[in-house]
């Protein structure tokens, strides 16, 4: 079973790993700095394809998703996207529209999809934090409406002692190896729940 992991830097494995899209053919860096490595360890017989690209917005991921679905023909998709749109100040409606297009694109091909909430980053303004929470609530509701799988990575990665901060990070913007392990465990659980 092949699972397509689509997203930006937090799928790619930034800062310690560059995905196979960024550094063909196999990626480069510490392989434990990607959630797909940890999810694979927990799901024997399932292979994750890391298709994360650092810095990409939802519109860019959407373009790649169309090509990847056709070329790679995955059995399932995990989608984590939107933080760069938020960081760059794009309207929530635009982020939600692009996510919805991706959800529908995958569904139309009869492929199971797990929609992930966006994870926080340290130093967010209260305004950005509120916007992130609104998008994540939309992701939760939309996944229910469409009958998608759901994985609340925001709750997994937010520091309970410091709201809006990552619980495990080396650079304040991305998870560290322990953070990616936590993400991988959550994604693996979501995959099993959807199977």
C-alpha atoms as a PDB file:
ATOM      1  CA  UNK A   1       0.000   0.000   0.000  1.00  0.00           C
ATOM      2  CA  UNK A   2       1.422   3.356  -1.056  1.00  0.00           C
ATOM      3  CA  UNK A   3       0.484   6.517   0.839  1.00  0.00           C
ATOM      4  CA  UNK A   4       1.176   9.900  -0.728  1.00  0.00           C
ATOM      5  CA  UNK A   5       2.242  12.474   1.873  1.00  0.00           C
ATOM      6  CA  UNK A   6       1.557  15.906   0.374  1.00  0.00           C
ATOM      7  CA  UNK A   7       2.511  19.179   1.985  1.00  0.00           C
ATOM      8  CA  UNK A   8       5.098  21.830   2.717  1.00  0.00           C
ATOM      9  CA  UNK A   9       8.124  21.918   5.045  1.00  0.00           C
ATOM     10  CA  UNK A  10       6.474  19.952   7.854  1.00  0.00           C
ATOM     11  CA  UNK A  11       5.924  17.087   5.432  1.00  0.00           C
ATOM     12  CA  UNK A  12       9.344  17.477   3.814  1.00  0.00           C
ATOM     13  CA  UNK A  13      11.141  17.201   7.181  1.00  0.00           C
ATOM     14  CA  UNK A  14      12.658  20.677   7.428  1.00  0.00           C
ATOM     15  CA  UNK A  15      15.149  21.646   8.857  1.00  0.00           C
ATOM     16  CA  UNK A  16      17.138  18.392   9.065  1.00  0.00           C
ATOM     17  CA  UNK A  17      15.814  16.604   5.979  1.00  0.00           C
ATOM     18  CA  UNK A  18      15.147  17.598   2.363  1.00  0.00           C
ATOM     19  CA  UNK A  19      12.424  15.559   0.687  1.00  0.00           C
ATOM     20  CA  UNK A  20      12.925  13.510  -2.489  1.00  0.00           C
ATOM     21  CA  UNK A  21      11.162  16.322  -4.379  1.00  0.00           C
ATOM     22  CA  UNK A  22      13.716  18.829  -3.065  1.00  0.00           C
ATOM     23  CA  UNK A  23      16.769  16.544  -3.307  1.00  0.00           C
ATOM     24  CA  UNK A  24      16.102  13.792  -5.894  1.00  0.00           C
ATOM     25  CA  UNK A  25      15.962  10.913  -5.993  1.00  0.00           C
ATOM     26  CA  UNK A  26      15.871   9.845  -2.328  1.00  0.00           C
ATOM     27  CA  UNK A  27      16.039  13.039  -0.274  1.00  0.00           C
ATOM     28  CA  UNK A  28      18.944  14.154   1.892  1.00  0.00           C
ATOM     29  CA  UNK A  29      19.637  14.480   5.612  1.00  0.00           C
ATOM     30  CA  UNK A  30      18.410  12.849   8.796  1.00  0.00           C
ATOM     31  CA  UNK A  31      15.645  10.452   7.737  1.00  0.00           C
ATOM     32  CA  UNK A  32      14.169  10.566  11.246  1.00  0.00           C
ATOM     33  CA  UNK A  33      13.354  14.228  10.630  1.00  0.00           C
ATOM     34  CA  UNK A  34      10.216  13.372   8.667  1.00  0.00           C
ATOM     35  CA  UNK A  35       6.921  12.096  10.006  1.00  0.00           C
ATOM     36  CA  UNK A  36       6.675   9.564   7.176  1.00  0.00           C
ATOM     37  CA  UNK A  37       9.648   7.581   8.555  1.00  0.00           C
ATOM     38  CA  UNK A  38       7.965   7.175  11.932  1.00  0.00           C
ATOM     39  CA  UNK A  39       4.559   6.348  10.429  1.00  0.00           C
ATOM     40  CA  UNK A  40       6.104   3.654   8.208  1.00  0.00           C
ATOM     41  CA  UNK A  41       7.724   2.007  11.231  1.00  0.00           C
ATOM     42  CA  UNK A  42       4.299   1.655  12.838  1.00  0.00           C
ATOM     43  CA  UNK A  43       2.530   0.479   9.673  1.00  0.00           C
ATOM     44  CA  UNK A  44       4.273  -2.568   8.181  1.00  0.00           C
ATOM     45  CA  UNK A  45       3.349  -3.100   4.552  1.00  0.00           C
ATOM     46  CA  UNK A  46       2.644   0.574   3.933  1.00  0.00           C
ATOM     47  CA  UNK A  47       5.099   2.813   2.098  1.00  0.00           C
ATOM     48  CA  UNK A  48       4.937   6.591   2.436  1.00  0.00           C
ATOM     49  CA  UNK A  49       6.023   8.843  -0.418  1.00  0.00           C
ATOM     50  CA  UNK A  50       7.320  12.128   1.035  1.00  0.00           C
ATOM     51  CA  UNK A  51       6.189  14.841  -1.397  1.00  0.00           C
ATOM     52  CA  UNK A  52       6.736  17.829   0.879  1.00  0.00           C
ATOM     53  CA  UNK A  53       8.313  21.053  -0.377  1.00  0.00           C
ATOM     54  CA  UNK A  54       9.572  23.724   2.006  1.00  0.00           C
ATOM     55  CA  UNK A  55       7.792  27.079   1.659  1.00  0.00           C
ATOM     56  CA  UNK A  56       4.942  26.017  -0.598  1.00  0.00           C
ATOM     57  CA  UNK A  57       1.433  27.445  -0.322  1.00  0.00           C
ATOM     58  CA  UNK A  58      -1.790  25.531  -0.920  1.00  0.00           C
ATOM     59  CA  UNK A  59      -2.104  26.685  -4.538  1.00  0.00           C
ATOM     60  CA  UNK A  60       1.363  25.289  -5.325  1.00  0.00           C
ATOM     61  CA  UNK A  61       0.659  22.010  -3.548  1.00  0.00           C
ATOM     62  CA  UNK A  62      -2.622  21.721  -5.456  1.00  0.00           C
ATOM     63  CA  UNK A  63      -0.767  21.923  -8.777  1.00  0.00           C
ATOM     64  CA  UNK A  64       1.663  19.208  -7.715  1.00  0.00           C
ATOM     65  CA  UNK A  65      -1.107  17.019  -6.307  1.00  0.00           C
ATOM     66  CA  UNK A  66      -2.855  16.838  -9.667  1.00  0.00           C
ATOM     67  CA  UNK A  67       0.316  15.547 -11.337  1.00  0.00           C
ATOM     68  CA  UNK A  68       1.299  13.222  -8.487  1.00  0.00           C
ATOM     69  CA  UNK A  69      -2.083  11.489  -8.348  1.00  0.00           C
ATOM     70  CA  UNK A  70      -1.823  10.714 -12.043  1.00  0.00           C
ATOM     71  CA  UNK A  71       1.817   9.641 -11.984  1.00  0.00           C
ATOM     72  CA  UNK A  72       2.109   7.844  -8.632  1.00  0.00           C
ATOM     73  CA  UNK A  73      -1.379   6.330  -8.306  1.00  0.00           C
ATOM     74  CA  UNK A  74      -1.354   6.142  -4.501  1.00  0.00           C
ATOM     75  CA  UNK A  75      -3.681   3.996  -2.408  1.00  0.00           C
ATOM     76  CA  UNK A  76      -4.211   6.859   0.072  1.00  0.00           C
ATOM     77  CA  UNK A  77      -3.225  10.499   0.616  1.00  0.00           C
ATOM     78  CA  UNK A  78      -2.226  12.428   3.746  1.00  0.00           C
ATOM     79  CA  UNK A  79      -2.534  16.187   3.252  1.00  0.00           C
ATOM     80  CA  UNK A  80      -0.952  18.808   5.525  1.00  0.00           C
ATOM     81  CA  UNK A  81      -0.991  22.305   4.009  1.00  0.00           C
ATOM     82  CA  UNK A  82      -1.797  25.942   4.691  1.00  0.00           C
ATOM     83  CA  UNK A  83       0.744  27.263   7.170  1.00  0.00           C
ATOM     84  CA  UNK A  84       2.704  29.219   4.556  1.00  0.00           C
ATOM     85  CA  UNK A  85      -0.482  30.842   3.266  1.00  0.00           C
ATOM     86  CA  UNK A  86      -1.269  31.920   6.833  1.00  0.00           C
ATOM     87  CA  UNK A  87       2.281  33.120   7.459  1.00  0.00           C
ATOM     88  CA  UNK A  88       2.180  35.214   4.283  1.00  0.00           C
ATOM     89  CA  UNK A  89      -1.190  36.758   5.136  1.00  0.00           C
ATOM     90  CA  UNK A  90      -3.395  35.126   2.515  1.00  0.00           C
ATOM     91  CA  UNK A  91      -7.159  35.231   3.205  1.00  0.00           C
ATOM     92  CA  UNK A  92      -8.676  32.278   5.046  1.00  0.00           C
ATOM     93  CA  UNK A  93     -11.248  31.840   2.285  1.00  0.00           C
ATOM     94  CA  UNK A  94      -8.487  31.308  -0.266  1.00  0.00           C
ATOM     95  CA  UNK A  95      -6.738  28.718   1.909  1.00  0.00           C
ATOM     96  CA  UNK A  96     -10.000  26.862   2.515  1.00  0.00           C
ATOM     97  CA  UNK A  97     -10.901  26.966  -1.180  1.00  0.00           C
ATOM     98  CA  UNK A  98      -7.570  25.424  -2.173  1.00  0.00           C
ATOM     99  CA  UNK A  99      -7.803  22.761   0.531  1.00  0.00           C
ATOM    100  CA  UNK A 100     -11.346  21.949  -0.583  1.00  0.00           C
ATOM    101  CA  UNK A 101     -10.182  21.579  -4.193  1.00  0.00           C
ATOM    102  CA  UNK A 102      -7.520  19.111  -3.052  1.00  0.00           C
ATOM    103  CA  UNK A 103      -9.957  17.144  -0.899  1.00  0.00           C
ATOM    104  CA  UNK A 104     -12.412  16.860  -3.793  1.00  0.00           C
ATOM    105  CA  UNK A 105      -9.719  16.033  -6.344  1.00  0.00           C
ATOM    106  CA  UNK A 106      -8.591  13.048  -4.286  1.00  0.00           C
ATOM    107  CA  UNK A 107     -12.155  11.965  -3.486  1.00  0.00           C
ATOM    108  CA  UNK A 108     -13.202  12.094  -7.144  1.00  0.00           C
ATOM    109  CA  UNK A 109     -10.563   9.473  -7.882  1.00  0.00           C
ATOM    110  CA  UNK A 110     -11.866   7.203  -5.139  1.00  0.00           C
ATOM    111  CA  UNK A 111      -8.719   7.522  -3.036  1.00  0.00           C
ATOM    112  CA  UNK A 112      -8.985   7.732   0.775  1.00  0.00           C
ATOM    113  CA  UNK A 113      -7.639  10.998   2.185  1.00  0.00           C
ATOM    114  CA  UNK A 114      -6.587  12.081   5.665  1.00  0.00           C
ATOM    115  CA  UNK A 115      -6.933  15.827   6.228  1.00  0.00           C
ATOM    116  CA  UNK A 116      -4.450  17.159   8.805  1.00  0.00           C
ATOM    117  CA  UNK A 117      -4.711  20.324  10.845  1.00  0.00           C
ATOM    118  CA  UNK A 118      -1.889  22.864  10.505  1.00  0.00           C
ATOM    119  CA  UNK A 119       0.729  22.853  13.250  1.00  0.00           C
ATOM    120  CA  UNK A 120       1.761  26.025  15.108  1.00  0.00           C
ATOM    121  CA  UNK A 121       5.077  27.843  15.002  1.00  0.00           C
ATOM    122  CA  UNK A 122       6.727  29.845  17.778  1.00  0.00           C
ATOM    123  CA  UNK A 123       6.237  33.600  17.896  1.00  0.00           C
ATOM    124  CA  UNK A 124       2.869  33.764  16.149  1.00  0.00           C
ATOM    125  CA  UNK A 125       0.904  36.929  16.761  1.00  0.00           C
ATOM    126  CA  UNK A 126      -2.457  36.490  18.521  1.00  0.00           C
ATOM    127  CA  UNK A 127      -4.084  37.409  15.194  1.00  0.00           C
ATOM    128  CA  UNK A 128      -2.238  34.664  13.285  1.00  0.00           C
ATOM    129  CA  UNK A 129      -2.925  32.170  16.056  1.00  0.00           C
ATOM    130  CA  UNK A 130      -6.643  32.910  15.844  1.00  0.00           C
ATOM    131  CA  UNK A 131      -6.566  32.557  12.058  1.00  0.00           C
ATOM    132  CA  UNK A 132      -4.798  29.208  12.366  1.00  0.00           C
ATOM    133  CA  UNK A 133      -7.400  27.973  14.839  1.00  0.00           C
ATOM    134  CA  UNK A 134     -10.181  29.058  12.458  1.00  0.00           C
ATOM    135  CA  UNK A 135      -8.651  27.218   9.505  1.00  0.00           C
ATOM    136  CA  UNK A 136      -8.086  24.127  11.638  1.00  0.00           C
ATOM    137  CA  UNK A 137     -11.698  24.148  12.792  1.00  0.00           C
ATOM    138  CA  UNK A 138     -12.760  24.434   9.143  1.00  0.00           C
ATOM    139  CA  UNK A 139     -10.524  21.436   8.283  1.00  0.00           C
ATOM    140  CA  UNK A 140     -12.117  19.401  11.070  1.00  0.00           C
ATOM    141  CA  UNK A 141     -15.675  20.251   9.992  1.00  0.00           C
ATOM    142  CA  UNK A 142     -15.001  19.859   6.264  1.00  0.00           C
ATOM    143  CA  UNK A 143     -13.388  16.458   6.734  1.00  0.00           C
ATOM    144  CA  UNK A 144     -16.520  15.318   8.587  1.00  0.00           C
ATOM    145  CA  UNK A 145     -18.827  16.703   5.896  1.00  0.00           C
ATOM    146  CA  UNK A 146     -16.916  14.939   3.121  1.00  0.00           C
ATOM    147  CA  UNK A 147     -16.341  11.710   5.058  1.00  0.00           C
ATOM    148  CA  UNK A 148     -12.559  12.078   5.027  1.00  0.00           C
ATOM    149  CA  UNK A 149     -10.049  10.782   7.507  1.00  0.00           C
ATOM    150  CA  UNK A 150      -8.849  13.375  10.007  1.00  0.00           C
ATOM    151  CA  UNK A 151      -5.655  13.894  11.996  1.00  0.00           C
ATOM    152  CA  UNK A 152      -5.394  16.752  14.498  1.00  0.00           C
ATOM    153  CA  UNK A 153      -1.662  17.445  14.287  1.00  0.00           C
ATOM    154  CA  UNK A 154      -2.156  20.898  15.809  1.00  0.00           C
ATOM    155  CA  UNK A 155      -3.190  19.344  19.132  1.00  0.00           C
ATOM    156  CA  UNK A 156      -0.299  16.875  18.934  1.00  0.00           C
ATOM    157  CA  UNK A 157       2.292  19.597  18.330  1.00  0.00           C
ATOM    158  CA  UNK A 158       1.046  22.534  20.427  1.00  0.00           C
ATOM    159  CA  UNK A 159       2.837  22.923  23.763  1.00  0.00           C
ATOM    160  CA  UNK A 160       0.094  22.596  26.423  1.00  0.00           C
ATOM    161  CA  UNK A 161       2.081  24.876  28.725  1.00  0.00           C
ATOM    162  CA  UNK A 162       2.549  27.571  26.042  1.00  0.00           C
ATOM    163  CA  UNK A 163      -0.339  27.876  23.602  1.00  0.00           C
ATOM    164  CA  UNK A 164       0.718  28.668  20.001  1.00  0.00           C
ATOM    165  CA  UNK A 165       4.220  27.260  20.599  1.00  0.00           C
ATOM    166  CA  UNK A 166       5.603  23.975  19.279  1.00  0.00           C
ATOM    167  CA  UNK A 167       6.069  21.331  21.950  1.00  0.00           C
ATOM    168  CA  UNK A 168       9.252  19.956  20.344  1.00  0.00           C
ATOM    169  CA  UNK A 169      11.378  22.069  17.989  1.00  0.00           C
ATOM    170  CA  UNK A 170      14.972  22.972  17.174  1.00  0.00           C
ATOM    171  CA  UNK A 171      14.363  26.167  15.196  1.00  0.00           C
ATOM    172  CA  UNK A 172      11.007  27.453  16.494  1.00  0.00           C
ATOM    173  CA  UNK A 173       9.352  26.997  13.096  1.00  0.00           C
ATOM    174  CA  UNK A 174       9.478  23.256  12.489  1.00  0.00           C
ATOM    175  CA  UNK A 175       9.396  20.093  14.593  1.00  0.00           C
ATOM    176  CA  UNK A 176      12.624  18.424  15.663  1.00  0.00           C
ATOM    177  CA  UNK A 177      13.099  14.651  15.425  1.00  0.00           C
ATOM    178  CA  UNK A 178      10.936  14.054  18.506  1.00  0.00           C
ATOM    179  CA  UNK A 179       8.260  16.313  17.040  1.00  0.00           C
ATOM    180  CA  UNK A 180       8.254  14.418  13.757  1.00  0.00           C
ATOM    181  CA  UNK A 181       7.999  11.176  15.739  1.00  0.00           C
ATOM    182  CA  UNK A 182       4.886  12.517  17.478  1.00  0.00           C
ATOM    183  CA  UNK A 183       3.420  13.525  14.125  1.00  0.00           C
ATOM    184  CA  UNK A 184       4.206  10.131  12.603  1.00  0.00           C
ATOM    185  CA  UNK A 185       2.515   8.324  15.461  1.00  0.00           C
ATOM    186  CA  UNK A 186      -0.616  10.457  15.052  1.00  0.00           C
ATOM    187  CA  UNK A 187      -0.710   9.954  11.283  1.00  0.00           C
ATOM    188  CA  UNK A 188      -0.242   6.194  11.655  1.00  0.00           C
ATOM    189  CA  UNK A 189      -3.163   6.079  14.070  1.00  0.00           C
ATOM    190  CA  UNK A 190      -5.328   8.060  11.633  1.00  0.00           C
ATOM    191  CA  UNK A 191      -4.406   5.700   8.783  1.00  0.00           C
ATOM    192  CA  UNK A 192      -5.399   2.681  10.869  1.00  0.00           C
ATOM    193  CA  UNK A 193      -8.682   4.325  11.888  1.00  0.00           C
ATOM    194  CA  UNK A 194      -9.548   4.943   8.249  1.00  0.00           C
ATOM    195  CA  UNK A 195      -8.579   1.457   7.027  1.00  0.00           C
END
